[in-house]
Amino acid sequence: MSIVLFCQNMGASVSLPAANAIFSNRLRSELQDRMNVIHVEPDIIVDAGVRSIRGLVSGDALKATLQAYSNSIDVVMYLGIGVAIATFAFGCNLGFKDIRKVKKLHELRSSDATDDW
């Protein structure tokens, strides 16, 4: 259990900053590509946050900005899919060893040793 919890915590602490970096870089790139439609600097939109988009842009610029956000989220999802596939591939090769039979055998042997009295 401790190994599972360790891997879960380490996975979250590594993947969250990686996903954030991928999202931010891709969003800046997408907004830069749509600069002729948006007419607002990408850094201003990224720094304002997603809740303030409608106050900064409207109309076709809003549509282009939301499309940039959507494409950036898609790239982050690819990271999650890749990690899930890698986890599944490595997990299938680990195997499973049933220790219940050995435990029962030890219990039977210990009870046989006490019955000799």
N, C-alpha and C. Protein backbone atom coordinates (compact mmCIF):
# COMPACT_ATOMS: atom_id res chain seq x y z
N MET A 1 0.82 -1.19 0.00
CA MET A 1 0.00 0.00 0.00
C MET A 1 0.86 1.25 0.00
N SER A 2 1.97 1.20 0.72
CA SER A 2 2.82 2.38 0.79
C SER A 2 3.43 2.70 -0.57
N ILE A 3 3.76 1.69 -1.36
CA ILE A 3 4.31 1.93 -2.69
C ILE A 3 3.24 2.54 -3.59
N VAL A 4 2.03 2.07 -3.49
CA VAL A 4 0.94 2.61 -4.30
C VAL A 4 0.70 4.08 -3.94
N LEU A 5 0.63 4.38 -2.67
CA LEU A 5 0.41 5.76 -2.23
C LEU A 5 1.58 6.66 -2.64
N PHE A 6 2.79 6.15 -2.53
CA PHE A 6 3.96 6.92 -2.94
C PHE A 6 3.89 7.24 -4.43
N CYS A 7 3.56 6.23 -5.24
CA CYS A 7 3.47 6.45 -6.69
C CYS A 7 2.35 7.42 -7.05
N GLN A 8 1.24 7.34 -6.35
CA GLN A 8 0.14 8.27 -6.62
C GLN A 8 0.55 9.70 -6.29
N ASN A 9 1.18 9.88 -5.16
CA ASN A 9 1.59 11.23 -4.77
C ASN A 9 2.69 11.78 -5.67
N MET A 10 3.65 10.95 -6.01
CA MET A 10 4.72 11.40 -6.90
C MET A 10 4.18 11.68 -8.31
N GLY A 11 3.27 10.85 -8.77
CA GLY A 11 2.68 11.06 -10.08
C GLY A 11 1.93 12.38 -10.15
N ALA A 12 1.19 12.68 -9.10
CA ALA A 12 0.45 13.95 -9.08
C ALA A 12 1.39 15.14 -8.97
N SER A 13 2.43 15.01 -8.16
CA SER A 13 3.33 16.14 -7.97
C SER A 13 4.21 16.39 -9.19
N VAL A 14 4.41 15.40 -10.03
CA VAL A 14 5.20 15.59 -11.25
C VAL A 14 4.31 15.96 -12.43
N SER A 15 3.16 15.32 -12.55
CA SER A 15 2.33 15.55 -13.73
C SER A 15 1.58 16.88 -13.70
N LEU A 16 1.25 17.38 -12.53
CA LEU A 16 0.53 18.65 -12.47
C LEU A 16 1.38 19.81 -12.99
N PRO A 17 2.63 20.00 -12.54
CA PRO A 17 3.44 21.06 -13.13
C PRO A 17 3.74 20.84 -14.61
N ALA A 18 3.90 19.58 -15.02
CA ALA A 18 4.15 19.30 -16.44
C ALA A 18 2.93 19.69 -17.27
N ALA A 19 1.75 19.33 -16.81
CA ALA A 19 0.52 19.68 -17.53
C ALA A 19 0.32 21.19 -17.57
N ASN A 20 0.63 21.87 -16.48
CA ASN A 20 0.51 23.33 -16.44
C ASN A 20 1.47 23.99 -17.43
N ALA A 21 2.69 23.51 -17.50
CA ALA A 21 3.66 24.07 -18.44
C ALA A 21 3.24 23.82 -19.89
N ILE A 22 2.76 22.61 -20.17
CA ILE A 22 2.30 22.29 -21.52
C ILE A 22 1.12 23.18 -21.90
N PHE A 23 0.17 23.34 -20.98
CA PHE A 23 -1.01 24.16 -21.25
C PHE A 23 -0.62 25.62 -21.49
N SER A 24 0.20 26.18 -20.64
CA SER A 24 0.58 27.59 -20.77
C SER A 24 1.35 27.86 -22.06
N ASN A 25 2.30 26.99 -22.37
CA ASN A 25 3.09 27.19 -23.59
C ASN A 25 2.24 27.03 -24.84
N ARG A 26 1.38 26.04 -24.84
CA ARG A 26 0.52 25.82 -26.00
C ARG A 26 -0.49 26.95 -26.16
N LEU A 27 -1.02 27.44 -25.04
CA LEU A 27 -1.99 28.54 -25.11
C LEU A 27 -1.34 29.80 -25.67
N ARG A 28 -0.15 30.12 -25.20
CA ARG A 28 0.56 31.30 -25.74
C ARG A 28 0.81 31.13 -27.24
N SER A 29 1.19 29.94 -27.65
CA SER A 29 1.44 29.69 -29.07
C SER A 29 0.16 29.81 -29.89
N GLU A 30 -0.93 29.23 -29.39
CA GLU A 30 -2.21 29.31 -30.09
C GLU A 30 -2.71 30.75 -30.19
N LEU A 31 -2.57 31.49 -29.10
CA LEU A 31 -3.01 32.89 -29.13
C LEU A 31 -2.14 33.72 -30.06
N GLN A 32 -0.85 33.42 -30.10
CA GLN A 32 0.05 34.14 -31.00
C GLN A 32 -0.33 33.87 -32.45
N ASP A 33 -0.72 32.63 -32.77
CA ASP A 33 -1.13 32.29 -34.12
C ASP A 33 -2.42 33.01 -34.53
N ARG A 34 -3.27 33.33 -33.56
CA ARG A 34 -4.54 34.00 -33.83
C ARG A 34 -4.49 35.50 -33.54
N MET A 35 -3.31 36.05 -33.46
CA MET A 35 -3.14 37.45 -33.08
C MET A 35 -3.83 38.41 -34.05
N ASN A 36 -3.88 38.05 -35.34
CA ASN A 36 -4.52 38.95 -36.32
C ASN A 36 -6.03 39.03 -36.12
N VAL A 37 -6.64 38.06 -35.45
CA VAL A 37 -8.08 38.08 -35.17
C VAL A 37 -8.36 38.65 -33.79
N ILE A 38 -7.53 38.32 -32.82
CA ILE A 38 -7.79 38.68 -31.43
C ILE A 38 -7.41 40.13 -31.14
N HIS A 39 -6.28 40.61 -31.63
CA HIS A 39 -5.78 41.97 -31.42
C HIS A 39 -5.49 42.29 -29.96
N VAL A 40 -5.21 41.29 -29.16
CA VAL A 40 -4.81 41.46 -27.76
C VAL A 40 -3.59 40.59 -27.55
N GLU A 41 -2.60 41.11 -26.82
CA GLU A 41 -1.38 40.35 -26.56
C GLU A 41 -1.70 39.05 -25.82
N PRO A 42 -1.07 37.95 -26.22
CA PRO A 42 -1.32 36.67 -25.53
C PRO A 42 -1.00 36.72 -24.04
N ASP A 43 0.04 37.43 -23.65
CA ASP A 43 0.39 37.51 -22.23
C ASP A 43 -0.71 38.18 -21.41
N ILE A 44 -1.39 39.14 -21.99
CA ILE A 44 -2.48 39.82 -21.28
C ILE A 44 -3.64 38.85 -21.05
N ILE A 45 -3.96 38.06 -22.06
CA ILE A 45 -5.05 37.10 -21.93
C ILE A 45 -4.69 36.01 -20.92
N VAL A 46 -3.47 35.49 -21.01
CA VAL A 46 -3.05 34.42 -20.09
C VAL A 46 -3.00 34.94 -18.66
N ASP A 47 -2.47 36.14 -18.46
CA ASP A 47 -2.38 36.70 -17.11
C ASP A 47 -3.75 37.04 -16.53
N ALA A 48 -4.70 37.40 -17.39
CA ALA A 48 -6.04 37.75 -16.92
C ALA A 48 -6.79 36.52 -16.42
N GLY A 49 -6.54 35.39 -17.03
CA GLY A 49 -7.22 34.16 -16.62
C GLY A 49 -8.46 33.91 -17.44
N VAL A 50 -8.98 32.71 -17.31
CA VAL A 50 -10.09 32.28 -18.15
C VAL A 50 -11.40 33.01 -17.80
N ARG A 51 -11.56 33.43 -16.57
CA ARG A 51 -12.81 34.11 -16.18
C ARG A 51 -12.92 35.52 -16.74
N SER A 52 -11.81 36.09 -17.13
CA SER A 52 -11.81 37.48 -17.62
C SER A 52 -11.77 37.58 -19.14
N ILE A 53 -11.89 36.48 -19.83
CA ILE A 53 -11.78 36.51 -21.29
C ILE A 53 -12.88 37.37 -21.91
N ARG A 54 -14.09 37.19 -21.45
CA ARG A 54 -15.21 37.93 -22.04
C ARG A 54 -15.11 39.44 -21.83
N GLY A 55 -14.37 39.85 -20.83
CA GLY A 55 -14.15 41.28 -20.62
C GLY A 55 -13.06 41.85 -21.51
N LEU A 56 -12.19 41.01 -22.02
CA LEU A 56 -11.08 41.46 -22.87
C LEU A 56 -11.41 41.41 -24.35
N VAL A 57 -12.11 40.37 -24.77
CA VAL A 57 -12.40 40.19 -26.19
C VAL A 57 -13.87 39.85 -26.38
N SER A 58 -14.36 40.08 -27.60
CA SER A 58 -15.75 39.75 -27.92
C SER A 58 -15.86 39.43 -29.40
N GLY A 59 -16.97 38.84 -29.79
CA GLY A 59 -17.22 38.53 -31.20
C GLY A 59 -16.32 37.44 -31.73
N ASP A 60 -15.74 37.69 -32.90
CA ASP A 60 -14.84 36.71 -33.52
C ASP A 60 -13.57 36.50 -32.71
N ALA A 61 -13.13 37.55 -32.02
CA ALA A 61 -11.95 37.43 -31.18
C ALA A 61 -12.21 36.48 -30.02
N LEU A 62 -13.41 36.53 -29.46
CA LEU A 62 -13.77 35.62 -28.38
C LEU A 62 -13.80 34.18 -28.88
N LYS A 63 -14.37 33.99 -30.05
CA LYS A 63 -14.42 32.65 -30.63
C LYS A 63 -13.00 32.11 -30.86
N ALA A 64 -12.11 32.93 -31.38
CA ALA A 64 -10.73 32.50 -31.63
C ALA A 64 -10.00 32.22 -30.32
N THR A 65 -10.26 33.02 -29.30
CA THR A 65 -9.62 32.83 -28.00
C THR A 65 -10.09 31.53 -27.36
N LEU A 66 -11.39 31.28 -27.40
CA LEU A 66 -11.92 30.04 -26.83
C LEU A 66 -11.42 28.81 -27.60
N GLN A 67 -11.23 28.95 -28.90
CA GLN A 67 -10.67 27.85 -29.69
C GLN A 67 -9.23 27.59 -29.29
N ALA A 68 -8.49 28.65 -28.99
CA ALA A 68 -7.10 28.48 -28.52
C ALA A 68 -7.08 27.76 -27.19
N TYR A 69 -7.98 28.12 -26.27
CA TYR A 69 -8.07 27.41 -24.99
C TYR A 69 -8.43 25.94 -25.20
N SER A 70 -9.36 25.68 -26.09
CA SER A 70 -9.79 24.31 -26.36
C SER A 70 -8.64 23.47 -26.92
N ASN A 71 -7.90 24.02 -27.85
CA ASN A 71 -6.77 23.28 -28.43
C ASN A 71 -5.68 23.04 -27.39
N SER A 72 -5.49 23.98 -26.48
CA SER A 72 -4.48 23.82 -25.43
C SER A 72 -4.87 22.73 -24.45
N ILE A 73 -6.14 22.65 -24.13
CA ILE A 73 -6.62 21.60 -23.22
C ILE A 73 -6.50 20.23 -23.89
N ASP A 74 -6.73 20.18 -25.20
CA ASP A 74 -6.57 18.91 -25.93
C ASP A 74 -5.16 18.36 -25.79
N VAL A 75 -4.17 19.24 -25.89
CA VAL A 75 -2.78 18.79 -25.80
C VAL A 75 -2.49 18.24 -24.40
N VAL A 76 -3.06 18.87 -23.37
CA VAL A 76 -2.87 18.37 -22.00
C VAL A 76 -3.52 17.00 -21.84
N MET A 77 -4.65 16.78 -22.48
CA MET A 77 -5.31 15.48 -22.41
C MET A 77 -4.46 14.40 -23.05
N TYR A 78 -3.70 14.74 -24.09
CA TYR A 78 -2.80 13.77 -24.70
C TYR A 78 -1.75 13.31 -23.70
N LEU A 79 -1.30 14.21 -22.83
CA LEU A 79 -0.35 13.83 -21.78
C LEU A 79 -0.98 12.77 -20.86
N GLY A 80 -2.20 13.01 -20.43
CA GLY A 80 -2.89 12.05 -19.56
C GLY A 80 -3.11 10.70 -20.24
N ILE A 81 -3.47 10.72 -21.51
CA ILE A 81 -3.67 9.48 -22.25
C ILE A 81 -2.36 8.72 -22.37
N GLY A 82 -1.28 9.43 -22.66
CA GLY A 82 0.03 8.79 -22.77
C GLY A 82 0.48 8.16 -21.47
N VAL A 83 0.27 8.86 -20.36
CA VAL A 83 0.64 8.31 -19.05
C VAL A 83 -0.22 7.09 -18.72
N ALA A 84 -1.49 7.14 -19.05
CA ALA A 84 -2.37 5.99 -18.78
C ALA A 84 -1.95 4.77 -19.60
N ILE A 85 -1.61 4.97 -20.86
CA ILE A 85 -1.17 3.86 -21.70
C ILE A 85 0.14 3.28 -21.19
N ALA A 86 1.08 4.16 -20.80
CA ALA A 86 2.36 3.68 -20.27
C ALA A 86 2.16 2.91 -18.97
N THR A 87 1.28 3.40 -18.11
CA THR A 87 1.00 2.71 -16.85
C THR A 87 0.39 1.34 -17.10
N PHE A 88 -0.53 1.27 -18.02
CA PHE A 88 -1.15 -0.01 -18.36
C PHE A 88 -0.12 -0.98 -18.92
N ALA A 89 0.76 -0.49 -19.81
CA ALA A 89 1.76 -1.36 -20.43
C ALA A 89 2.74 -1.90 -19.39
N PHE A 90 3.20 -1.04 -18.48
CA PHE A 90 4.13 -1.50 -17.45
C PHE A 90 3.42 -2.36 -16.40
N GLY A 91 2.18 -2.05 -16.11
CA GLY A 91 1.43 -2.81 -15.11
C GLY A 91 1.13 -4.23 -15.55
N CYS A 92 0.92 -4.44 -16.84
CA CYS A 92 0.62 -5.78 -17.34
C CYS A 92 1.81 -6.71 -17.18
N ASN A 93 3.01 -6.18 -17.20
CA ASN A 93 4.21 -7.01 -17.11
C ASN A 93 4.64 -7.29 -15.68
N LEU A 94 3.99 -6.69 -14.71
CA LEU A 94 4.39 -6.91 -13.33
C LEU A 94 3.98 -8.28 -12.81
N GLY A 95 2.86 -8.76 -13.25
CA GLY A 95 2.40 -10.07 -12.80
C GLY A 95 1.70 -9.99 -11.45
N PHE A 96 1.23 -11.15 -11.01
CA PHE A 96 0.53 -11.22 -9.74
C PHE A 96 0.88 -12.54 -9.08
N LYS A 97 1.28 -12.47 -7.85
CA LYS A 97 1.62 -13.69 -7.12
C LYS A 97 0.65 -13.82 -5.95
N ASP A 98 -0.05 -14.91 -5.92
CA ASP A 98 -1.03 -15.15 -4.87
C ASP A 98 -0.31 -15.72 -3.65
N ILE A 99 -0.31 -14.96 -2.57
CA ILE A 99 0.38 -15.40 -1.36
C ILE A 99 -0.58 -16.05 -0.36
N ARG A 100 -1.84 -16.09 -0.70
CA ARG A 100 -2.82 -16.67 0.23
C ARG A 100 -2.58 -18.16 0.45
N LYS A 101 -2.21 -18.90 -0.57
CA LYS A 101 -1.98 -20.33 -0.42
C LYS A 101 -0.80 -20.60 0.50
N VAL A 102 0.24 -19.83 0.36
CA VAL A 102 1.42 -20.01 1.21
C VAL A 102 1.06 -19.68 2.65
N LYS A 103 0.27 -18.66 2.85
CA LYS A 103 -0.14 -18.28 4.19
C LYS A 103 -0.97 -19.39 4.83
N LYS A 104 -1.89 -19.98 4.09
CA LYS A 104 -2.70 -21.06 4.62
C LYS A 104 -1.84 -22.28 4.94
N LEU A 105 -0.85 -22.56 4.10
CA LEU A 105 0.05 -23.67 4.34
C LEU A 105 0.83 -23.47 5.64
N HIS A 106 1.30 -22.26 5.87
CA HIS A 106 2.01 -21.97 7.11
C HIS A 106 1.08 -22.10 8.33
N GLU A 107 -0.15 -21.70 8.18
CA GLU A 107 -1.11 -21.84 9.28
C GLU A 107 -1.36 -23.32 9.59
N LEU A 108 -1.50 -24.12 8.55
CA LEU A 108 -1.72 -25.56 8.75
C LEU A 108 -0.52 -26.22 9.41
N ARG A 109 0.67 -25.85 8.97
CA ARG A 109 1.87 -26.45 9.55
C ARG A 109 2.03 -26.03 11.01
N SER A 110 1.71 -24.78 11.32
CA SER A 110 1.84 -24.33 12.71
C SER A 110 0.78 -25.00 13.58
N SER A 111 -0.41 -25.25 13.05
CA SER A 111 -1.43 -25.93 13.85
C SER A 111 -1.08 -27.41 14.03
N ASP A 112 -0.43 -28.04 13.02
CA ASP A 112 0.01 -29.44 13.14
C ASP A 112 1.11 -29.57 14.19
N ALA A 113 1.96 -28.58 14.29
CA ALA A 113 3.05 -28.64 15.27
C ALA A 113 2.50 -28.54 16.69
N THR A 114 1.43 -27.81 16.90
CA THR A 114 0.84 -27.69 18.24
C THR A 114 -0.01 -28.91 18.59
N ASP A 115 -0.46 -29.66 17.56
CA ASP A 115 -1.28 -30.85 17.82
C ASP A 115 -0.43 -32.04 18.29
N ASP A 116 0.88 -32.00 18.14
CA ASP A 116 1.75 -33.12 18.53
C ASP A 116 1.83 -33.28 20.03
N TRP A 117 1.44 -32.36 20.79
CA TRP A 117 1.56 -32.43 22.26
C TRP A 117 0.70 -33.49 22.74
